[in-house]
C-alpha atoms as a PDB file:
ATOM      1  CA  MET A   1      16.910  20.362 -13.279  1.00  0.00           C
ATOM      2  CA  THR A   2      16.720  16.557 -13.190  1.00  0.00           C
ATOM      3  CA  LYS A   3      15.452  14.867 -10.048  1.00  0.00           C
ATOM      4  CA  ASP A   4      17.985  12.494  -8.431  1.00  0.00           C
ATOM      5  CA  LEU A   5      15.926   9.310  -8.386  1.00  0.00           C
ATOM      6  CA  SER A   6      18.697   7.272  -6.758  1.00  0.00           C
ATOM      7  CA  ARG A   7      17.913   8.957  -3.424  1.00  0.00           C
ATOM      8  CA  TYR A   8      14.658   6.986  -3.140  1.00  0.00           C
ATOM      9  CA  PRO A   9      15.433   4.003  -0.835  1.00  0.00           C
ATOM     10  CA  ILE A  10      13.661   1.242  -2.777  1.00  0.00           C
ATOM     11  CA  GLU A  11      14.580  -2.418  -3.159  1.00  0.00           C
ATOM     12  CA  GLY A  12      18.071  -3.022  -4.578  1.00  0.00           C
ATOM     13  CA  HIS A  13      16.867  -4.991  -7.610  1.00  0.00           C
ATOM     14  CA  LEU A  14      14.717  -2.058  -8.794  1.00  0.00           C
ATOM     15  CA  THR A  15      15.804   1.078 -10.658  1.00  0.00           C
ATOM     16  CA  PRO A  16      13.638   4.181 -10.178  1.00  0.00           C
ATOM     17  CA  VAL A  17      12.459   5.825 -13.422  1.00  0.00           C
ATOM     18  CA  GLY A  18      10.039   8.339 -11.879  1.00  0.00           C
ATOM     19  CA  ALA A  19       8.913   9.473  -8.446  1.00  0.00           C
ATOM     20  CA  LEU A  20       6.687  11.902  -6.601  1.00  0.00           C
ATOM     21  CA  THR A  21       7.166  12.768  -2.919  1.00  0.00           C
ATOM     22  CA  PHE A  22       3.983  13.825  -1.072  1.00  0.00           C
ATOM     23  CA  SER A  23       5.640  14.599   2.240  1.00  0.00           C
ATOM     24  CA  LYS A  24       8.956  14.312   3.995  1.00  0.00           C
ATOM     25  CA  SER A  25       8.899  15.621   7.547  1.00  0.00           C
ATOM     26  CA  GLY A  26       9.112  14.559  11.159  1.00  0.00           C
ATOM     27  CA  GLY A  27      11.174  11.489  10.273  1.00  0.00           C
ATOM     28  CA  TRP A  28       8.587  10.147   7.786  1.00  0.00           C
ATOM     29  CA  TRP A  29       8.719  10.098   3.988  1.00  0.00           C
ATOM     30  CA  ARG A  30       5.757   9.217   1.707  1.00  0.00           C
ATOM     31  CA  ALA A  31       6.180   8.866  -2.047  1.00  0.00           C
ATOM     32  CA  ILE A  32       5.106   7.136  -5.248  1.00  0.00           C
ATOM     33  CA  VAL A  33       8.033   5.465  -7.022  1.00  0.00           C
ATOM     34  CA  HIS A  34       7.859   4.133 -10.575  1.00  0.00           C
ATOM     35  CA  SER A  35      10.654   1.614 -11.140  1.00  0.00           C
ATOM     36  CA  GLU A  36      11.859  -1.208 -13.367  1.00  0.00           C
ATOM     37  CA  ASP A  37      13.475  -4.509 -12.506  1.00  0.00           C
ATOM     38  CA  GLU A  38      16.397  -6.027 -14.399  1.00  0.00           C
ATOM     39  CA  TYR A  39      13.980  -7.573 -16.934  1.00  0.00           C
ATOM     40  CA  GLY A  40      12.234  -4.294 -17.745  1.00  0.00           C
ATOM     41  CA  ASN A  41       9.106  -5.091 -15.695  1.00  0.00           C
ATOM     42  CA  GLU A  42       7.601  -1.886 -14.351  1.00  0.00           C
ATOM     43  CA  LYS A  43       6.446  -1.392 -10.759  1.00  0.00           C
ATOM     44  CA  ILE A  44       4.506   1.537  -9.341  1.00  0.00           C
ATOM     45  CA  ARG A  45       4.448   1.626  -5.557  1.00  0.00           C
ATOM     46  CA  LEU A  46       3.434   3.814  -2.683  1.00  0.00           C
ATOM     47  CA  TYR A  47       6.154   3.855  -0.030  1.00  0.00           C
ATOM     48  CA  LEU A  48       6.223   4.967   3.582  1.00  0.00           C
ATOM     49  CA  TRP A  49       9.727   5.195   5.031  1.00  0.00           C
ATOM     50  CA  ARG A  50      10.827   5.977   8.584  1.00  0.00           C
ATOM     51  CA  ASP A  51      14.144   7.684   9.291  1.00  0.00           C
ATOM     52  CA  ASN A  52      16.207   5.342  11.452  1.00  0.00           C
ATOM     53  CA  ASP A  53      19.268   7.049  12.928  1.00  0.00           C
ATOM     54  CA  THR A  54      21.495   4.011  12.408  1.00  0.00           C
ATOM     55  CA  LYS A  55      20.040   2.482   9.223  1.00  0.00           C
ATOM     56  CA  GLY A  56      18.850   5.529   7.271  1.00  0.00           C
ATOM     57  CA  TRP A  57      15.415   5.402   5.624  1.00  0.00           C
ATOM     58  CA  VAL A  58      13.660   2.101   6.416  1.00  0.00           C
ATOM     59  CA  THR A  59      10.537   0.882   4.583  1.00  0.00           C
ATOM     60  CA  LYS A  60       7.580   0.688   6.989  1.00  0.00           C
ATOM     61  CA  HIS A  61       4.816   0.093   4.411  1.00  0.00           C
ATOM     62  CA  LYS A  62       4.575  -0.229   0.652  1.00  0.00           C
ATOM     63  CA  TRP A  63       1.715  -0.767  -1.729  1.00  0.00           C
ATOM     64  CA  ASN A  64       1.921  -2.196  -5.241  1.00  0.00           C
ATOM     65  CA  ILE A  65      -0.238  -0.176  -7.651  1.00  0.00           C
ATOM     66  CA  ASP A  66      -1.622  -1.941 -10.691  1.00  0.00           C
ATOM     67  CA  PRO A  67      -2.803   0.813 -13.068  1.00  0.00           C
ATOM     68  CA  ASP A  68      -5.379  -1.564 -14.583  1.00  0.00           C
ATOM     69  CA  HIS A  69      -7.006  -2.197 -11.186  1.00  0.00           C
ATOM     70  CA  TRP A  70      -6.390   1.069  -9.325  1.00  0.00           C
ATOM     71  CA  GLU A  71      -9.903   2.457  -9.826  1.00  0.00           C
ATOM     72  CA  ALA A  72     -11.492  -0.724  -8.425  1.00  0.00           C
ATOM     73  CA  GLU A  73      -9.156  -0.679  -5.407  1.00  0.00           C
ATOM     74  CA  ARG A  74      -9.852   2.995  -4.807  1.00  0.00           C
ATOM     75  CA  ARG A  75     -13.635   2.483  -4.931  1.00  0.00           C
ATOM     76  CA  VAL A  76     -13.558  -0.384  -2.424  1.00  0.00           C
ATOM     77  CA  VAL A  77     -11.327   1.607  -0.067  1.00  0.00           C
ATOM     78  CA  GLU A  78     -13.680   4.592  -0.305  1.00  0.00           C
ATOM     79  CA  ASP A  79     -16.570   2.306   0.670  1.00  0.00           C
ATOM     80  CA  TYR A  80     -14.739   0.842   3.676  1.00  0.00           C
ATOM     81  CA  ALA A  81     -12.631   3.672   5.088  1.00  0.00           C
ATOM     82  CA  GLY A  82     -14.381   4.779   8.260  1.00  0.00           C
ATOM     83  CA  SER A  83     -17.508   2.712   7.649  1.00  0.00           C
ATOM     84  CA  ALA A  84     -19.353   0.728  10.284  1.00  0.00           C
ATOM     85  CA  VAL A  85     -18.007  -2.603  11.469  1.00  0.00           C
ATOM     86  CA  ASP A  86     -19.313  -5.567   9.477  1.00  0.00           C
ATOM     87  CA  ALA A  87     -21.067  -8.245  11.556  1.00  0.00           C
ATOM     88  CA  ASP A  88     -20.505 -10.873   8.835  1.00  0.00           C
ATOM     89  CA  THR A  89     -16.764 -10.478   8.440  1.00  0.00           C
ATOM     90  CA  PRO A  90     -15.153 -12.991   6.088  1.00  0.00           C
ATOM     91  CA  TYR A  91     -11.791 -14.578   6.911  1.00  0.00           C
ATOM     92  CA  PHE A  92      -8.615 -12.634   6.119  1.00  0.00           C
ATOM     93  CA  PRO A  93      -5.106 -13.914   7.024  1.00  0.00           C
ATOM     94  CA  VAL A  94      -4.221 -10.923   9.214  1.00  0.00           C
ATOM     95  CA  GLN A  95      -1.894 -11.478  12.149  1.00  0.00           C
ATOM     96  CA  HIS A  96      -1.751  -9.507  15.407  1.00  0.00           C
ATOM     97  CA  TYR A  97      -5.079  -7.692  14.950  1.00  0.00           C
ATOM     98  CA  ASN A  98      -8.762  -8.387  15.485  1.00  0.00           C
ATOM     99  CA  VAL A  99     -10.367  -8.187  12.025  1.00  0.00           C
ATOM    100  CA  VAL A 100     -13.804  -6.526  12.165  1.00  0.00           C
ATOM    101  CA  GLY A 101     -14.598  -6.031   8.479  1.00  0.00           C
ATOM    102  CA  GLY A 102     -13.263  -6.153   4.975  1.00  0.00           C
ATOM    103  CA  GLU A 103     -13.731  -7.056   1.364  1.00  0.00           C
ATOM    104  CA  THR A 104     -11.671  -8.909  -1.211  1.00  0.00           C
ATOM    105  CA  ILE A 105     -10.717  -6.643  -4.105  1.00  0.00           C
ATOM    106  CA  LYS A 106      -9.034  -9.247  -6.281  1.00  0.00           C
ATOM    107  CA  LYS A 107      -7.919 -12.844  -5.815  1.00  0.00           C
ATOM    108  CA  THR A 108      -5.890 -14.917  -8.286  1.00  0.00           C
ATOM    109  CA  ASP A 109      -3.953 -18.165  -7.944  1.00  0.00           C
ATOM    110  CA  ASP A 110      -0.912 -16.139  -6.843  1.00  0.00           C
ATOM    111  CA  TRP A 111      -2.176 -13.011  -5.045  1.00  0.00           C
ATOM    112  CA  TRP A 112      -5.035 -11.924  -2.778  1.00  0.00           C
ATOM    113  CA  THR A 113      -5.806  -8.210  -2.413  1.00  0.00           C
ATOM    114  CA  ALA A 114      -8.271  -6.910   0.183  1.00  0.00           C
ATOM    115  CA  VAL A 115      -9.244  -3.899   2.222  1.00  0.00           C
ATOM    116  CA  VAL A 116      -9.502  -4.886   5.898  1.00  0.00           C
ATOM    117  CA  GLN A 117     -10.850  -3.154   8.983  1.00  0.00           C
ATOM    118  CA  TYR A 118      -9.148  -4.086  12.249  1.00  0.00           C
ATOM    119  CA  GLU A 119      -8.820  -3.128  15.886  1.00  0.00           C
ATOM    120  CA  ASP A 120      -5.446  -2.937  17.557  1.00  0.00           C
ATOM    121  CA  ASP A 121      -4.503  -3.084  21.225  1.00  0.00           C
ATOM    122  CA  TYR A 122      -3.985   0.672  21.477  1.00  0.00           C
ATOM    123  CA  SER A 123      -7.362   2.004  20.409  1.00  0.00           C
ATOM    124  CA  SER A 124     -11.033   1.145  20.651  1.00  0.00           C
ATOM    125  CA  THR A 125     -11.675   2.488  17.142  1.00  0.00           C
ATOM    126  CA  HIS A 126     -11.172   0.452  14.005  1.00  0.00           C
ATOM    127  CA  LYS A 127      -8.605   1.185  11.323  1.00  0.00           C
ATOM    128  CA  THR A 128      -8.496   0.422   7.614  1.00  0.00           C
ATOM    129  CA  ARG A 129      -5.603  -1.187   5.762  1.00  0.00           C
ATOM    130  CA  LEU A 130      -4.978  -2.493   2.262  1.00  0.00           C
ATOM    131  CA  TYR A 131      -3.344  -5.925   2.238  1.00  0.00           C
ATOM    132  CA  MET A 132      -1.828  -8.021  -0.536  1.00  0.00           C
ATOM    133  CA  TRP A 133      -0.885 -11.595   0.320  1.00  0.00           C
ATOM    134  CA  GLN A 134       1.153 -13.931  -1.846  1.00  0.00           C
ATOM    135  CA  LEU A 135      -0.604 -17.290  -2.191  1.00  0.00           C
ATOM    136  CA  GLU A 136       0.907 -20.747  -2.470  1.00  0.00           C
ATOM    137  CA  ASP A 137      -1.495 -23.689  -2.831  1.00  0.00           C
ATOM    138  CA  ASN A 138      -4.308 -21.251  -1.932  1.00  0.00           C
ATOM    139  CA  GLU A 139      -2.626 -20.444   1.415  1.00  0.00           C
ATOM    140  CA  ALA A 140      -1.297 -16.999   2.326  1.00  0.00           C
ATOM    141  CA  LYS A 141       2.490 -17.007   2.579  1.00  0.00           C
ATOM    142  CA  GLY A 142       3.060 -13.677   4.238  1.00  0.00           C
ATOM    143  CA  THR A 143       2.053 -10.104   3.618  1.00  0.00           C
ATOM    144  CA  GLY A 144       4.067  -8.769   0.720  1.00  0.00           C
ATOM    145  CA  PHE A 145       2.371  -5.389   0.696  1.00  0.00           C
ATOM    146  CA  LYS A 146       0.236  -3.331   3.085  1.00  0.00           C
ATOM    147  CA  TRP A 147      -0.877   0.269   3.319  1.00  0.00           C
ATOM    148  CA  ASN A 148      -2.673   2.083   6.133  1.00  0.00           C
ATOM    149  CA  VAL A 149      -5.656   4.081   4.936  1.00  0.00           C
ATOM    150  CA  ARG A 150      -5.860   7.121   7.199  1.00  0.00           C
ATOM    151  CA  SER A 151      -8.476   9.834   6.845  1.00  0.00           C
ATOM    152  CA  ASP A 152      -5.823  12.561   7.161  1.00  0.00           C
ATOM    153  CA  THR A 153      -3.541  11.205   4.393  1.00  0.00           C
ATOM    154  CA  TRP A 154      -5.675   8.994   2.130  1.00  0.00           C
ATOM    155  CA  PRO A 155      -7.248  11.788   0.007  1.00  0.00           C
ATOM    156  CA  GLU A 156      -3.806  13.122  -0.908  1.00  0.00           C
ATOM    157  CA  GLU A 157      -2.420   9.631  -1.607  1.00  0.00           C
ATOM    158  CA  ARG A 158      -5.481   8.577  -3.609  1.00  0.00           C
ATOM    159  CA  ASP A 159      -5.452  11.726  -5.740  1.00  0.00           C
ATOM    160  CA  ALA A 160      -1.688  11.612  -6.360  1.00  0.00           C
ATOM    161  CA  VAL A 161      -1.843   7.962  -7.436  1.00  0.00           C
ATOM    162  CA  GLY A 162      -4.826   8.709  -9.661  1.00  0.00           C
ATOM    163  CA  ARG A 163      -2.959  11.535 -11.410  1.00  0.00           C
ATOM    164  CA  TYR A 164       0.218   9.460 -11.723  1.00  0.00           C
ATOM    165  CA  VAL A 165      -1.611   6.471 -13.212  1.00  0.00           C
ATOM    166  CA  GLU A 166      -3.611   8.726 -15.549  1.00  0.00           C
ATOM    167  CA  ASN A 167      -0.399  10.296 -16.881  1.00  0.00           C
ATOM    168  CA  LEU A 168       0.951   6.829 -17.744  1.00  0.00           C
ATOM    169  CA  GLN A 169      -1.967   6.146 -20.087  1.00  0.00           C
END
């Protein structure tokens, strides 16, 4: 039986060529989707969708996976997830949260990828999130991609991405 990839609610300019759902319950859907754009460029992304009664499945978070850099990203996340707050926190262009730690994973002329620890208004504990900012003239022009790293879901996500990327090689 062939999986109906068109059911994955990804961006309209992308065509899914493979996918793996980790969970779909309680109005939330988490999956890896491997897609191509109209030029044949491949994308591998983690998606988190929320079921909206009026709009259907709405993207809440997505993370762009670069198979060549996944192991480095994973290692940095493992070091930061749940670790102590860093007193010498570098600057990260995060809005709406108090940044309390983090580390740049990769920075080019066009993109900046980092793992960031932050506090929100609802909790006294810190949380971990992957961010990827698009850069223009060395200034962040919005958050194109972000992914919450939660202790209850990260091991499953990390392992599934690792297996998916390994099978591409």
